C-alpha atoms as a PDB file:
ATOM      1  CA  MET A   1     -63.554-112.676  69.568  1.00  0.00           C
ATOM      2  CA  GLY A   2     -65.656-109.516  69.171  1.00  0.00           C
ATOM      3  CA  ILE A   3     -66.764-107.207  71.926  1.00  0.00           C
ATOM      4  CA  THR A   4     -69.977-108.410  73.584  1.00  0.00           C
ATOM      5  CA  ILE A   5     -72.653-106.779  75.713  1.00  0.00           C
ATOM      6  CA  ARG A   6     -71.071-108.482  78.734  1.00  0.00           C
ATOM      7  CA  ASP A   7     -67.815-106.628  78.102  1.00  0.00           C
ATOM      8  CA  VAL A   8     -69.688-103.302  78.071  1.00  0.00           C
ATOM      9  CA  ALA A   9     -71.578-104.233  81.244  1.00  0.00           C
ATOM     10  CA  GLN A  10     -68.324-105.099  83.032  1.00  0.00           C
ATOM     11  CA  ALA A  11     -66.654-101.871  81.899  1.00  0.00           C
ATOM     12  CA  ALA A  12     -69.622 -99.757  82.985  1.00  0.00           C
ATOM     13  CA  GLY A  13     -70.213-101.660  86.205  1.00  0.00           C
ATOM     14  CA  VAL A  14     -73.833-102.509  85.434  1.00  0.00           C
ATOM     15  CA  SER A  15     -75.869-105.510  84.345  1.00  0.00           C
ATOM     16  CA  THR A  16     -76.263-106.589  80.729  1.00  0.00           C
ATOM     17  CA  ALA A  17     -79.983-105.747  80.989  1.00  0.00           C
ATOM     18  CA  THR A  18     -79.116-102.164  81.935  1.00  0.00           C
ATOM     19  CA  VAL A  19     -76.728-101.922  78.981  1.00  0.00           C
ATOM     20  CA  SER A  20     -79.467-103.164  76.658  1.00  0.00           C
ATOM     21  CA  ARG A  21     -82.020-100.671  78.011  1.00  0.00           C
ATOM     22  CA  ALA A  22     -79.562 -97.772  77.934  1.00  0.00           C
ATOM     23  CA  LEU A  23     -78.381 -98.376  74.360  1.00  0.00           C
ATOM     24  CA  ARG A  24     -81.945 -98.866  73.113  1.00  0.00           C
ATOM     25  CA  GLY A  25     -82.909 -95.475  74.516  1.00  0.00           C
ATOM     26  CA  LEU A  26     -85.521 -96.786  76.966  1.00  0.00           C
ATOM     27  CA  ALA A  27     -86.725 -94.347  79.604  1.00  0.00           C
ATOM     28  CA  ASN A  28     -86.143 -96.473  82.712  1.00  0.00           C
ATOM     29  CA  VAL A  29     -82.372 -95.733  82.915  1.00  0.00           C
ATOM     30  CA  ASP A  30     -81.124 -92.684  84.808  1.00  0.00           C
ATOM     31  CA  ALA A  31     -79.029 -90.136  82.915  1.00  0.00           C
ATOM     32  CA  THR A  32     -75.773 -90.804  84.791  1.00  0.00           C
ATOM     33  CA  THR A  33     -75.939 -94.563  84.195  1.00  0.00           C
ATOM     34  CA  ARG A  34     -76.900 -94.070  80.553  1.00  0.00           C
ATOM     35  CA  ALA A  35     -73.918 -91.769  79.995  1.00  0.00           C
ATOM     36  CA  ARG A  36     -71.569 -94.286  81.657  1.00  0.00           C
ATOM     37  CA  VAL A  37     -72.876 -97.116  79.492  1.00  0.00           C
ATOM     38  CA  GLU A  38     -72.650 -95.063  76.294  1.00  0.00           C
ATOM     39  CA  ARG A  39     -69.086 -94.028  77.158  1.00  0.00           C
ATOM     40  CA  ALA A  40     -68.049 -97.637  77.803  1.00  0.00           C
ATOM     41  CA  ALA A  41     -69.688 -98.777  74.543  1.00  0.00           C
ATOM     42  CA  ALA A  42     -67.914 -96.033  72.585  1.00  0.00           C
ATOM     43  CA  GLU A  43     -64.523 -96.851  74.129  1.00  0.00           C
ATOM     44  CA  LEU A  44     -64.978-100.534  73.291  1.00  0.00           C
ATOM     45  CA  ASP A  45     -66.394 -99.735  69.831  1.00  0.00           C
ATOM     46  CA  TYR A  46     -69.487-101.780  70.641  1.00  0.00           C
ATOM     47  CA  VAL A  47     -72.664-101.482  68.551  1.00  0.00           C
ATOM     48  CA  ILE A  48     -75.847-103.157  69.746  1.00  0.00           C
ATOM     49  CA  SER A  49     -77.090-105.875  67.405  1.00  0.00           C
ATOM     50  CA  PRO A  50     -80.234-104.723  65.591  1.00  0.00           C
ATOM     51  CA  SER A  51     -81.637-108.251  65.524  1.00  0.00           C
ATOM     52  CA  ALA A  52     -80.972-108.749  69.227  1.00  0.00           C
ATOM     53  CA  SER A  53     -82.522-105.394  70.040  1.00  0.00           C
ATOM     54  CA  ARG A  54     -85.625-106.193  68.030  1.00  0.00           C
ATOM     55  CA  LEU A  55     -85.938-109.609  69.635  1.00  0.00           C
ATOM     56  CA  ALA A  56     -85.677-108.092  73.105  1.00  0.00           C
ATOM     57  CA  SER A  57     -88.197-105.356  72.407  1.00  0.00           C
ATOM     58  CA  GLY A  58     -90.643-107.489  70.436  1.00  0.00           C
ATOM     59  CA  ARG A  59     -90.399-105.066  67.525  1.00  0.00           C
ATOM     60  CA  THR A  60     -89.673-105.672  63.865  1.00  0.00           C
ATOM     61  CA  GLY A  61     -87.771-102.433  63.237  1.00  0.00           C
ATOM     62  CA  SER A  62     -89.879-101.853  60.116  1.00  0.00           C
ATOM     63  CA  VAL A  63     -92.626 -99.455  59.069  1.00  0.00           C
ATOM     64  CA  ALA A  64     -95.030 -99.980  56.163  1.00  0.00           C
ATOM     65  CA  VAL A  65     -95.653 -97.169  53.685  1.00  0.00           C
ATOM     66  CA  ILE A  66     -98.908 -97.672  51.771  1.00  0.00           C
ATOM     67  CA  THR A  67     -99.280 -95.588  48.624  1.00  0.00           C
ATOM     68  CA  PRO A  68    -101.385 -95.719  45.437  1.00  0.00           C
ATOM     69  CA  HIS A  69     -98.421 -94.594  43.309  1.00  0.00           C
ATOM     70  CA  ILE A  70     -94.629 -94.530  43.400  1.00  0.00           C
ATOM     71  CA  ALA A  71     -93.482 -92.979  40.123  1.00  0.00           C
ATOM     72  CA  ARG A  72     -95.560 -89.791  40.291  1.00  0.00           C
ATOM     73  CA  TRP A  73     -93.709 -86.741  41.576  1.00  0.00           C
ATOM     74  CA  PHE A  74     -95.894 -86.017  44.618  1.00  0.00           C
ATOM     75  CA  PHE A  75     -95.660 -89.559  45.967  1.00  0.00           C
ATOM     76  CA  SER A  76     -91.946 -90.023  45.283  1.00  0.00           C
ATOM     77  CA  THR A  77     -91.174 -86.669  46.929  1.00  0.00           C
ATOM     78  CA  VAL A  78     -93.271 -87.540  49.986  1.00  0.00           C
ATOM     79  CA  LEU A  79     -91.431 -90.859  50.157  1.00  0.00           C
ATOM     80  CA  SER A  80     -88.067 -89.096  50.125  1.00  0.00           C
ATOM     81  CA  GLY A  81     -89.116 -87.124  53.218  1.00  0.00           C
ATOM     82  CA  VAL A  82     -90.350 -90.277  54.931  1.00  0.00           C
ATOM     83  CA  GLU A  83     -87.266 -92.304  54.052  1.00  0.00           C
ATOM     84  CA  SER A  84     -84.702 -89.736  55.182  1.00  0.00           C
ATOM     85  CA  THR A  85     -86.427 -89.425  58.571  1.00  0.00           C
ATOM     86  CA  LEU A  86     -86.930 -93.127  59.245  1.00  0.00           C
ATOM     87  CA  GLN A  87     -83.500 -94.059  57.933  1.00  0.00           C
ATOM     88  CA  GLY A  88     -81.946 -91.703  60.463  1.00  0.00           C
ATOM     89  CA  ALA A  89     -83.860 -93.544  63.196  1.00  0.00           C
ATOM     90  CA  GLY A  90     -82.694 -96.953  61.988  1.00  0.00           C
ATOM     91  CA  ILE A  91     -86.152 -97.963  60.760  1.00  0.00           C
ATOM     92  CA  ASP A  92     -86.594-100.053  57.608  1.00  0.00           C
ATOM     93  CA  LEU A  93     -89.339 -99.320  55.078  1.00  0.00           C
ATOM     94  CA  LEU A  94     -91.758-101.878  53.678  1.00  0.00           C
ATOM     95  CA  LEU A  95     -93.329-100.286  50.596  1.00  0.00           C
ATOM     96  CA  MET A  96     -96.824-101.375  49.554  1.00  0.00           C
ATOM     97  CA  THR A  97     -98.818-100.054  46.605  1.00  0.00           C
ATOM     98  CA  VAL A  98    -102.599-100.271  46.430  1.00  0.00           C
ATOM     99  CA  SER A  99    -104.739 -99.943  43.334  1.00  0.00           C
ATOM    100  CA  ALA A 100    -107.915 -97.874  43.078  1.00  0.00           C
ATOM    101  CA  PRO A 101    -110.847 -99.055  45.219  1.00  0.00           C
ATOM    102  CA  ASP A 102    -112.832 -99.935  42.093  1.00  0.00           C
ATOM    103  CA  ALA A 103    -110.052-102.093  40.587  1.00  0.00           C
ATOM    104  CA  GLN A 104    -111.024-105.709  39.784  1.00  0.00           C
ATOM    105  CA  HIS A 105    -108.068-107.486  41.400  1.00  0.00           C
ATOM    106  CA  ARG A 106    -106.983-105.660  44.520  1.00  0.00           C
ATOM    107  CA  LEU A 107    -104.664-107.042  47.205  1.00  0.00           C
ATOM    108  CA  ALA A 108    -105.657-106.023  50.724  1.00  0.00           C
ATOM    109  CA  PRO A 109    -102.699-104.533  52.636  1.00  0.00           C
ATOM    110  CA  ALA A 110    -103.962-105.173  56.188  1.00  0.00           C
ATOM    111  CA  PRO A 111    -103.493-109.004  56.251  1.00  0.00           C
ATOM    112  CA  ARG A 112     -99.931-108.577  54.947  1.00  0.00           C
ATOM    113  CA  LEU A 113     -98.990-106.188  57.762  1.00  0.00           C
ATOM    114  CA  ARG A 114     -99.705-108.267  60.839  1.00  0.00           C
ATOM    115  CA  ARG A 115     -96.524-109.031  62.814  1.00  0.00           C
ATOM    116  CA  ARG A 116     -94.400-107.638  59.987  1.00  0.00           C
ATOM    117  CA  VAL A 117     -94.238-103.946  60.919  1.00  0.00           C
ATOM    118  CA  ASP A 118     -94.317-101.696  63.985  1.00  0.00           C
ATOM    119  CA  GLY A 119     -96.271 -98.877  62.343  1.00  0.00           C
ATOM    120  CA  VAL A 120     -97.916 -97.640  59.162  1.00  0.00           C
ATOM    121  CA  LEU A 121     -97.700 -94.516  56.991  1.00  0.00           C
ATOM    122  CA  VAL A 122    -100.527 -94.056  54.483  1.00  0.00           C
ATOM    123  CA  ILE A 123    -100.268 -91.648  51.549  1.00  0.00           C
ATOM    124  CA  ALA A 124    -103.433 -90.171  49.982  1.00  0.00           C
ATOM    125  CA  MET A 125    -105.810 -93.117  50.143  1.00  0.00           C
ATOM    126  CA  PRO A 126    -109.484 -92.044  49.941  1.00  0.00           C
ATOM    127  CA  PRO A 127    -110.812 -91.688  53.522  1.00  0.00           C
ATOM    128  CA  GLU A 128    -113.865 -93.824  52.720  1.00  0.00           C
ATOM    129  CA  ASP A 129    -111.718 -96.674  51.368  1.00  0.00           C
ATOM    130  CA  GLN A 130    -112.602 -99.861  53.270  1.00  0.00           C
ATOM    131  CA  GLN A 131    -109.015-101.092  53.067  1.00  0.00           C
ATOM    132  CA  LEU A 132    -107.809 -97.948  54.849  1.00  0.00           C
ATOM    133  CA  ALA A 133    -110.343 -98.652  57.589  1.00  0.00           C
ATOM    134  CA  GLU A 134    -108.973-102.202  57.896  1.00  0.00           C
ATOM    135  CA  VAL A 135    -105.414-100.894  58.227  1.00  0.00           C
ATOM    136  CA  ILE A 136    -106.470 -98.501  60.997  1.00  0.00           C
ATOM    137  CA  LYS A 137    -108.280-101.356  62.799  1.00  0.00           C
ATOM    138  CA  LEU A 138    -104.911-103.119  63.184  1.00  0.00           C
ATOM    139  CA  ASP A 139    -104.349-100.591  65.993  1.00  0.00           C
ATOM    140  CA  LEU A 140    -100.731-100.039  64.996  1.00  0.00           C
ATOM    141  CA  PRO A 141     -99.100 -96.610  65.315  1.00  0.00           C
ATOM    142  CA  THR A 142    -100.334 -94.882  62.149  1.00  0.00           C
ATOM    143  CA  SER A 143     -99.715 -91.569  60.408  1.00  0.00           C
ATOM    144  CA  LEU A 144    -101.591 -90.239  57.361  1.00  0.00           C
ATOM    145  CA  ILE A 145    -100.329 -87.977  54.565  1.00  0.00           C
ATOM    146  CA  GLY A 146    -102.642 -86.024  52.297  1.00  0.00           C
ATOM    147  CA  VAL A 147    -105.794 -87.306  53.987  1.00  0.00           C
ATOM    148  CA  SER A 148    -107.367 -86.627  57.373  1.00  0.00           C
ATOM    149  CA  ILE A 149    -109.409 -89.022  59.530  1.00  0.00           C
ATOM    150  CA  ASP A 150    -110.629 -88.483  63.089  1.00  0.00           C
ATOM    151  CA  ASP A 151    -108.358 -89.833  65.840  1.00  0.00           C
ATOM    152  CA  VAL A 152    -105.449 -90.595  63.469  1.00  0.00           C
ATOM    153  CA  PRO A 153    -102.413 -88.265  63.206  1.00  0.00           C
ATOM    154  CA  SER A 154    -102.222 -86.650  59.775  1.00  0.00           C
ATOM    155  CA  VAL A 155    -100.294 -84.108  57.708  1.00  0.00           C
ATOM    156  CA  THR A 156    -102.132 -82.281  54.931  1.00  0.00           C
ATOM    157  CA  ILE A 157    -102.514 -78.964  53.182  1.00  0.00           C
ATOM    158  CA  ASP A 158    -105.749 -77.000  52.752  1.00  0.00           C
ATOM    159  CA  ASP A 159    -106.510 -78.091  49.179  1.00  0.00           C
ATOM    160  CA  VAL A 160    -109.684 -76.008  49.011  1.00  0.00           C
ATOM    161  CA  TYR A 161    -107.689 -72.894  49.857  1.00  0.00           C
ATOM    162  CA  ALA A 162    -104.885 -73.839  47.424  1.00  0.00           C
ATOM    163  CA  ALA A 163    -107.363 -74.137  44.533  1.00  0.00           C
ATOM    164  CA  ARG A 164    -109.137 -70.932  45.532  1.00  0.00           C
ATOM    165  CA  MET A 165    -105.792 -69.150  45.584  1.00  0.00           C
ATOM    166  CA  ALA A 166    -104.916 -70.426  42.107  1.00  0.00           C
ATOM    167  CA  THR A 167    -108.316 -69.575  40.625  1.00  0.00           C
ATOM    168  CA  GLN A 168    -108.469 -66.186  42.341  1.00  0.00           C
ATOM    169  CA  HIS A 169    -105.066 -65.321  40.882  1.00  0.00           C
ATOM    170  CA  LEU A 170    -106.508 -65.822  37.392  1.00  0.00           C
ATOM    171  CA  ILE A 171    -109.624 -63.808  38.277  1.00  0.00           C
ATOM    172  CA  ASN A 172    -107.486 -60.989  39.670  1.00  0.00           C
ATOM    173  CA  LEU A 173    -105.677 -60.844  36.312  1.00  0.00           C
ATOM    174  CA  GLY A 174    -109.019 -60.119  34.633  1.00  0.00           C
ATOM    175  CA  HIS A 175    -109.834 -63.616  33.339  1.00  0.00           C
ATOM    176  CA  GLN A 176    -113.484 -64.660  33.346  1.00  0.00           C
ATOM    177  CA  ARG A 177    -113.605 -67.582  30.905  1.00  0.00           C
ATOM    178  CA  ILE A 178    -111.531 -70.053  32.921  1.00  0.00           C
ATOM    179  CA  GLY A 179    -111.102 -73.736  32.106  1.00  0.00           C
ATOM    180  CA  LEU A 180    -110.301 -76.599  34.455  1.00  0.00           C
ATOM    181  CA  ILE A 181    -108.124 -79.687  34.039  1.00  0.00           C
ATOM    182  CA  ALA A 182    -109.234 -82.055  36.803  1.00  0.00           C
ATOM    183  CA  GLY A 183    -107.963 -85.448  37.909  1.00  0.00           C
ATOM    184  CA  SER A 184    -109.871 -88.654  37.282  1.00  0.00           C
ATOM    185  CA  ALA A 185    -113.299 -90.157  36.812  1.00  0.00           C
ATOM    186  CA  SER A 186    -112.824 -92.754  39.566  1.00  0.00           C
ATOM    187  CA  ARG A 187    -115.746 -93.165  41.949  1.00  0.00           C
ATOM    188  CA  ALA A 188    -113.319 -92.969  44.889  1.00  0.00           C
ATOM    189  CA  ARG A 189    -111.129 -89.994  44.161  1.00  0.00           C
ATOM    190  CA  PHE A 190    -108.713 -88.918  46.845  1.00  0.00           C
ATOM    191  CA  THR A 191    -109.505 -85.976  49.104  1.00  0.00           C
ATOM    192  CA  ALA A 192    -107.290 -83.416  47.346  1.00  0.00           C
ATOM    193  CA  GLU A 193    -109.154 -83.818  44.063  1.00  0.00           C
ATOM    194  CA  PHE A 194    -112.562 -83.159  45.600  1.00  0.00           C
ATOM    195  CA  ASP A 195    -111.231 -80.235  47.604  1.00  0.00           C
ATOM    196  CA  ARG A 196    -109.451 -78.609  44.665  1.00  0.00           C
ATOM    197  CA  HIS A 197    -112.596 -78.841  42.571  1.00  0.00           C
ATOM    198  CA  ARG A 198    -114.534 -77.252  45.397  1.00  0.00           C
ATOM    199  CA  GLY A 199    -111.999 -74.444  45.727  1.00  0.00           C
ATOM    200  CA  PHE A 200    -112.257 -73.721  41.992  1.00  0.00           C
ATOM    201  CA  VAL A 201    -116.058 -73.641  42.113  1.00  0.00           C
ATOM    202  CA  ASP A 202    -116.083 -71.460  45.249  1.00  0.00           C
ATOM    203  CA  ALA A 203    -113.766 -68.853  43.696  1.00  0.00           C
ATOM    204  CA  MET A 204    -115.736 -68.718  40.442  1.00  0.00           C
ATOM    205  CA  THR A 205    -119.079 -68.517  42.253  1.00  0.00           C
ATOM    206  CA  GLU A 206    -117.966 -65.730  44.587  1.00  0.00           C
ATOM    207  CA  ALA A 207    -116.766 -63.750  41.558  1.00  0.00           C
ATOM    208  CA  ASN A 208    -120.148 -64.324  39.832  1.00  0.00           C
ATOM    209  CA  LEU A 209    -118.413 -66.036  36.931  1.00  0.00           C
ATOM    210  CA  PRO A 210    -120.016 -68.843  34.924  1.00  0.00           C
ATOM    211  CA  ILE A 211    -118.537 -72.356  35.065  1.00  0.00           C
ATOM    212  CA  ASP A 212    -118.571 -73.803  31.563  1.00  0.00           C
ATOM    213  CA  SER A 213    -118.552 -77.605  31.641  1.00  0.00           C
ATOM    214  CA  SER A 214    -117.274 -77.686  28.048  1.00  0.00           C
ATOM    215  CA  LEU A 215    -114.037 -76.151  29.356  1.00  0.00           C
ATOM    216  CA  GLU A 216    -113.510 -78.910  31.928  1.00  0.00           C
ATOM    217  CA  SER A 217    -111.509 -82.017  31.055  1.00  0.00           C
ATOM    218  CA  LEU A 218    -109.815 -84.897  32.888  1.00  0.00           C
ATOM    219  CA  GLY A 219    -106.021 -85.155  32.966  1.00  0.00           C
ATOM    220  CA  TYR A 220    -105.618 -88.104  35.399  1.00  0.00           C
ATOM    221  CA  PHE A 221    -102.791 -86.319  37.235  1.00  0.00           C
ATOM    222  CA  THR A 222    -100.240 -87.143  34.525  1.00  0.00           C
ATOM    223  CA  SER A 223     -98.423 -85.046  31.936  1.00  0.00           C
ATOM    224  CA  THR A 224     -99.851 -87.137  29.099  1.00  0.00           C
ATOM    225  CA  GLY A 225    -103.334 -86.773  30.522  1.00  0.00           C
ATOM    226  CA  GLY A 226    -102.868 -83.031  30.861  1.00  0.00           C
ATOM    227  CA  GLU A 227    -101.847 -82.775  27.215  1.00  0.00           C
ATOM    228  CA  GLN A 228    -104.924 -84.697  26.083  1.00  0.00           C
ATOM    229  CA  ALA A 229    -107.200 -82.650  28.341  1.00  0.00           C
ATOM    230  CA  MET A 230    -105.833 -79.348  27.039  1.00  0.00           C
ATOM    231  CA  THR A 231    -106.174 -80.572  23.453  1.00  0.00           C
ATOM    232  CA  ALA A 232    -109.864 -81.260  24.127  1.00  0.00           C
ATOM    233  CA  ILE A 233    -110.331 -77.798  25.658  1.00  0.00           C
ATOM    234  CA  LEU A 234    -108.610 -76.101  22.715  1.00  0.00           C
ATOM    235  CA  ALA A 235    -110.998 -77.891  20.352  1.00  0.00           C
ATOM    236  CA  GLN A 236    -113.935 -75.930  21.778  1.00  0.00           C
ATOM    237  CA  ARG A 237    -115.379 -73.184  19.619  1.00  0.00           C
ATOM    238  CA  GLU A 238    -114.788 -70.596  22.347  1.00  0.00           C
ATOM    239  CA  ARG A 239    -111.469 -71.171  24.041  1.00  0.00           C
ATOM    240  CA  PRO A 240    -110.782 -70.087  27.616  1.00  0.00           C
ATOM    241  CA  THR A 241    -108.391 -67.225  28.343  1.00  0.00           C
ATOM    242  CA  ALA A 242    -107.007 -69.110  31.360  1.00  0.00           C
ATOM    243  CA  VAL A 243    -106.899 -72.692  32.681  1.00  0.00           C
ATOM    244  CA  PHE A 244    -106.486 -73.998  36.223  1.00  0.00           C
ATOM    245  CA  CYS A 245    -104.747 -77.405  36.381  1.00  0.00           C
ATOM    246  CA  MET A 246    -105.150 -79.447  39.567  1.00  0.00           C
ATOM    247  CA  SER A 247    -101.488 -80.484  39.420  1.00  0.00           C
ATOM    248  CA  ASP A 248     -98.247 -79.192  37.930  1.00  0.00           C
ATOM    249  CA  GLU A 249     -97.696 -82.418  35.993  1.00  0.00           C
ATOM    250  CA  MET A 250    -100.993 -81.938  34.167  1.00  0.00           C
ATOM    251  CA  ALA A 251    -100.008 -78.309  33.548  1.00  0.00           C
ATOM    252  CA  PHE A 252     -96.772 -79.466  31.892  1.00  0.00           C
ATOM    253  CA  GLY A 253     -98.806 -81.561  29.471  1.00  0.00           C
ATOM    254  CA  ALA A 254    -101.172 -78.643  28.893  1.00  0.00           C
ATOM    255  CA  MET A 255     -98.182 -76.472  27.981  1.00  0.00           C
ATOM    256  CA  ARG A 256     -97.087 -79.051  25.420  1.00  0.00           C
ATOM    257  CA  ALA A 257    -100.562 -79.093  23.869  1.00  0.00           C
ATOM    258  CA  MET A 258    -100.624 -75.300  23.699  1.00  0.00           C
ATOM    259  CA  ARG A 259     -97.267 -75.120  21.971  1.00  0.00           C
ATOM    260  CA  SER A 260     -98.321 -77.744  19.434  1.00  0.00           C
ATOM    261  CA  HIS A 261    -101.197 -75.386  18.576  1.00  0.00           C
ATOM    262  CA  GLY A 262     -98.843 -72.424  18.228  1.00  0.00           C
ATOM    263  CA  LEU A 263     -99.938 -70.916  21.551  1.00  0.00           C
ATOM    264  CA  GLN A 264     -97.725 -69.561  24.312  1.00  0.00           C
ATOM    265  CA  PRO A 265     -98.601 -69.943  28.018  1.00  0.00           C
ATOM    266  CA  GLY A 266     -99.147 -66.521  29.527  1.00  0.00           C
ATOM    267  CA  ARG A 267     -99.364 -64.685  26.226  1.00  0.00           C
ATOM    268  CA  ASP A 268    -102.300 -66.540  24.637  1.00  0.00           C
ATOM    269  CA  ILE A 269    -103.772 -68.515  27.538  1.00  0.00           C
ATOM    270  CA  SER A 270    -102.760 -68.190  31.176  1.00  0.00           C
ATOM    271  CA  LEU A 271    -101.983 -71.457  32.933  1.00  0.00           C
ATOM    272  CA  ILE A 272    -101.596 -72.266  36.636  1.00  0.00           C
ATOM    273  CA  GLY A 273    -100.979 -75.495  38.550  1.00  0.00           C
ATOM    274  CA  VAL A 274    -100.704 -76.805  42.106  1.00  0.00           C
ATOM    275  CA  ASP A 275     -97.708 -78.595  43.687  1.00  0.00           C
ATOM    276  CA  GLY A 276     -94.430 -76.720  43.346  1.00  0.00           C
ATOM    277  CA  HIS A 277     -92.922 -79.451  41.147  1.00  0.00           C
ATOM    278  CA  ASP A 278     -89.152 -79.301  40.666  1.00  0.00           C
ATOM    279  CA  MET A 279     -89.654 -78.538  36.952  1.00  0.00           C
ATOM    280  CA  SER A 280     -92.078 -75.644  37.496  1.00  0.00           C
ATOM    281  CA  GLU A 281     -89.391 -72.988  37.711  1.00  0.00           C
ATOM    282  CA  LEU A 282     -87.595 -74.275  34.609  1.00  0.00           C
ATOM    283  CA  LEU A 283     -90.859 -74.210  32.599  1.00  0.00           C
ATOM    284  CA  GLU A 284     -91.893 -70.844  34.116  1.00  0.00           C
ATOM    285  CA  LEU A 285     -95.153 -72.280  35.421  1.00  0.00           C
ATOM    286  CA  THR A 286     -97.131 -70.271  37.943  1.00  0.00           C
ATOM    287  CA  THR A 287     -98.108 -72.644  40.744  1.00  0.00           C
ATOM    288  CA  VAL A 288     -99.430 -72.936  44.276  1.00  0.00           C
ATOM    289  CA  GLU A 289     -96.526 -74.562  46.049  1.00  0.00           C
ATOM    290  CA  GLN A 290     -97.030 -77.157  48.765  1.00  0.00           C
ATOM    291  CA  PRO A 291     -94.205 -78.427  51.060  1.00  0.00           C
ATOM    292  CA  VAL A 292     -94.312 -82.022  49.812  1.00  0.00           C
ATOM    293  CA  HIS A 293     -90.988 -83.253  51.229  1.00  0.00           C
ATOM    294  CA  ASP A 294     -91.858 -81.710  54.600  1.00  0.00           C
ATOM    295  CA  MET A 295     -95.200 -83.528  54.604  1.00  0.00           C
ATOM    296  CA  GLY A 296     -93.335 -86.851  54.466  1.00  0.00           C
ATOM    297  CA  ARG A 297     -90.783 -85.780  57.056  1.00  0.00           C
ATOM    298  CA  ILE A 298     -93.326 -84.478  59.569  1.00  0.00           C
ATOM    299  CA  ALA A 299     -95.596 -87.509  59.185  1.00  0.00           C
ATOM    300  CA  ALA A 300     -92.616 -89.816  59.762  1.00  0.00           C
ATOM    301  CA  GLU A 301     -91.586 -87.821  62.838  1.00  0.00           C
ATOM    302  CA  ALA A 302     -95.146 -88.123  64.200  1.00  0.00           C
ATOM    303  CA  LEU A 303     -94.985 -91.873  63.676  1.00  0.00           C
ATOM    304  CA  LEU A 304     -91.650 -92.089  65.510  1.00  0.00           C
ATOM    305  CA  VAL A 305     -93.189 -90.291  68.486  1.00  0.00           C
ATOM    306  CA  GLN A 306     -95.915 -92.941  68.585  1.00  0.00           C
ATOM    307  CA  LEU A 307     -93.402 -95.777  68.263  1.00  0.00           C
ATOM    308  CA  ASN A 308     -91.300 -94.437  71.125  1.00  0.00           C
ATOM    309  CA  SER A 309     -94.216 -93.792  73.471  1.00  0.00           C
ATOM    310  CA  GLU A 310     -95.748 -96.295  75.856  1.00  0.00           C
ATOM    311  CA  PHE A 311     -99.029 -94.377  75.847  1.00  0.00           C
ATOM    312  CA  ARG A 312    -101.624 -93.553  73.200  1.00  0.00           C
ATOM    313  CA  MET A 313    -100.816 -90.040  71.976  1.00  0.00           C
ATOM    314  CA  HIS A 314    -103.299 -87.315  71.092  1.00  0.00           C
ATOM    315  CA  ALA A 315    -103.939 -87.434  67.356  1.00  0.00           C
ATOM    316  CA  ASP A 316    -102.704 -84.163  65.859  1.00  0.00           C
ATOM    317  CA  SER A 317    -103.885 -83.052  62.420  1.00  0.00           C
ATOM    318  CA  ILE A 318    -101.211 -80.775  60.989  1.00  0.00           C
ATOM    319  CA  VAL A 319    -102.125 -78.491  58.087  1.00  0.00           C
ATOM    320  CA  LEU A 320     -99.048 -77.070  56.353  1.00  0.00           C
ATOM    321  CA  PRO A 321     -99.136 -73.721  54.494  1.00  0.00           C
ATOM    322  CA  THR A 322     -99.116 -73.234  50.723  1.00  0.00           C
ATOM    323  CA  ARG A 323     -97.951 -70.195  48.746  1.00  0.00           C
ATOM    324  CA  LEU A 324     -98.571 -68.704  45.327  1.00  0.00           C
ATOM    325  CA  VAL A 325     -95.477 -68.555  43.105  1.00  0.00           C
ATOM    326  CA  VAL A 326     -96.103 -66.310  40.089  1.00  0.00           C
ATOM    327  CA  ARG A 327     -94.160 -66.907  36.883  1.00  0.00           C
ATOM    328  CA  ALA A 328     -94.534 -66.237  33.155  1.00  0.00           C
ATOM    329  CA  SER A 329     -97.353 -68.728  32.468  1.00  0.00           C
ATOM    330  CA  THR A 330     -99.946 -66.290  33.848  1.00  0.00           C
ATOM    331  CA  ALA A 331    -100.499 -62.713  32.715  1.00  0.00           C
ATOM    332  CA  PRO A 332    -103.218 -60.023  32.821  1.00  0.00           C
ATOM    333  CA  LEU A 333    -105.983 -60.382  30.253  1.00  0.00           C
ATOM    334  CA  PRO A 334    -105.256 -57.866  27.444  1.00  0.00           C
ATOM    335  CA  ARG A 335    -107.730 -55.010  27.169  1.00  0.00           C
ATOM    336  CA  GLY A 336    -110.469 -55.712  24.716  1.00  0.00           C
ATOM    337  CA  ALA A 337    -109.880 -59.452  24.798  1.00  0.00           C
ATOM    338  CA  ASN A 338    -112.985 -61.610  24.707  1.00  0.00           C
ATOM    339  CA  SER A 339    -113.378 -62.982  28.230  1.00  0.00           C
END
């Protein structure tokens, strides 16, 4: 027969309840007793049963991750940070995708979460989304990524500042006729999209530069969308000398469109993105880099703190830094060029 919790209790000279509390990391076991129990368990090669532990604690051992996308780079990279952290803590992930708020057939996540998970991680849902409000009303430990709401722990970047930094870089290089590849036309765009548009407008306004709506196009945060958006911009009678893309993936598509028109990023039109995508260095794209993997890791760590606490914790909103990474896709405007 296998080693049981009774064997560990006998070897450590304590009750089975004390063994259970000690091996589950509960606080109401003194350090000396905990060490004795852990030593006895190690000598007997005993591992506490996850199902028994969950039954005793009333927990499921699972956390839900709610995300609008899985395949896109930002979301998959955030997920990798979340997964590595929760996996190390022995927590299972229940992955749920939600469609846009204006989609016709939309499954509500909140009813599917009750009694199935111990906590929730939400990635970049619009803060005004009613379904996000319903998830928060479940009163489960919750952590947000890429969006900030009062009284809920969150991890974000300053997207306004990131867009200002990108646009200002182009302005500092002498560019005045600057185009924009934005995200989507959805009525409920996520926070980053609004903030990046605001950062672009702020930088242009402070530099007293005109914002030409004919040089703005939607790329839907995909490479294909970025290519189509750049194609539309290049069809204008007066082309821009530089373009700010709200994401690196859209910038990759914009590069493809430029090359199909015989243009070279940096030489003919400067191009900058936001993200720090893994492919940015290979394609020599100038970008404002955000710590995406760390956003997932830190949000997961904040959730673990909530799960392991008997008290309601203060809701911290963590804003991680971004940095400008300059590569060959941006260059000074040549003297005499029409700006």
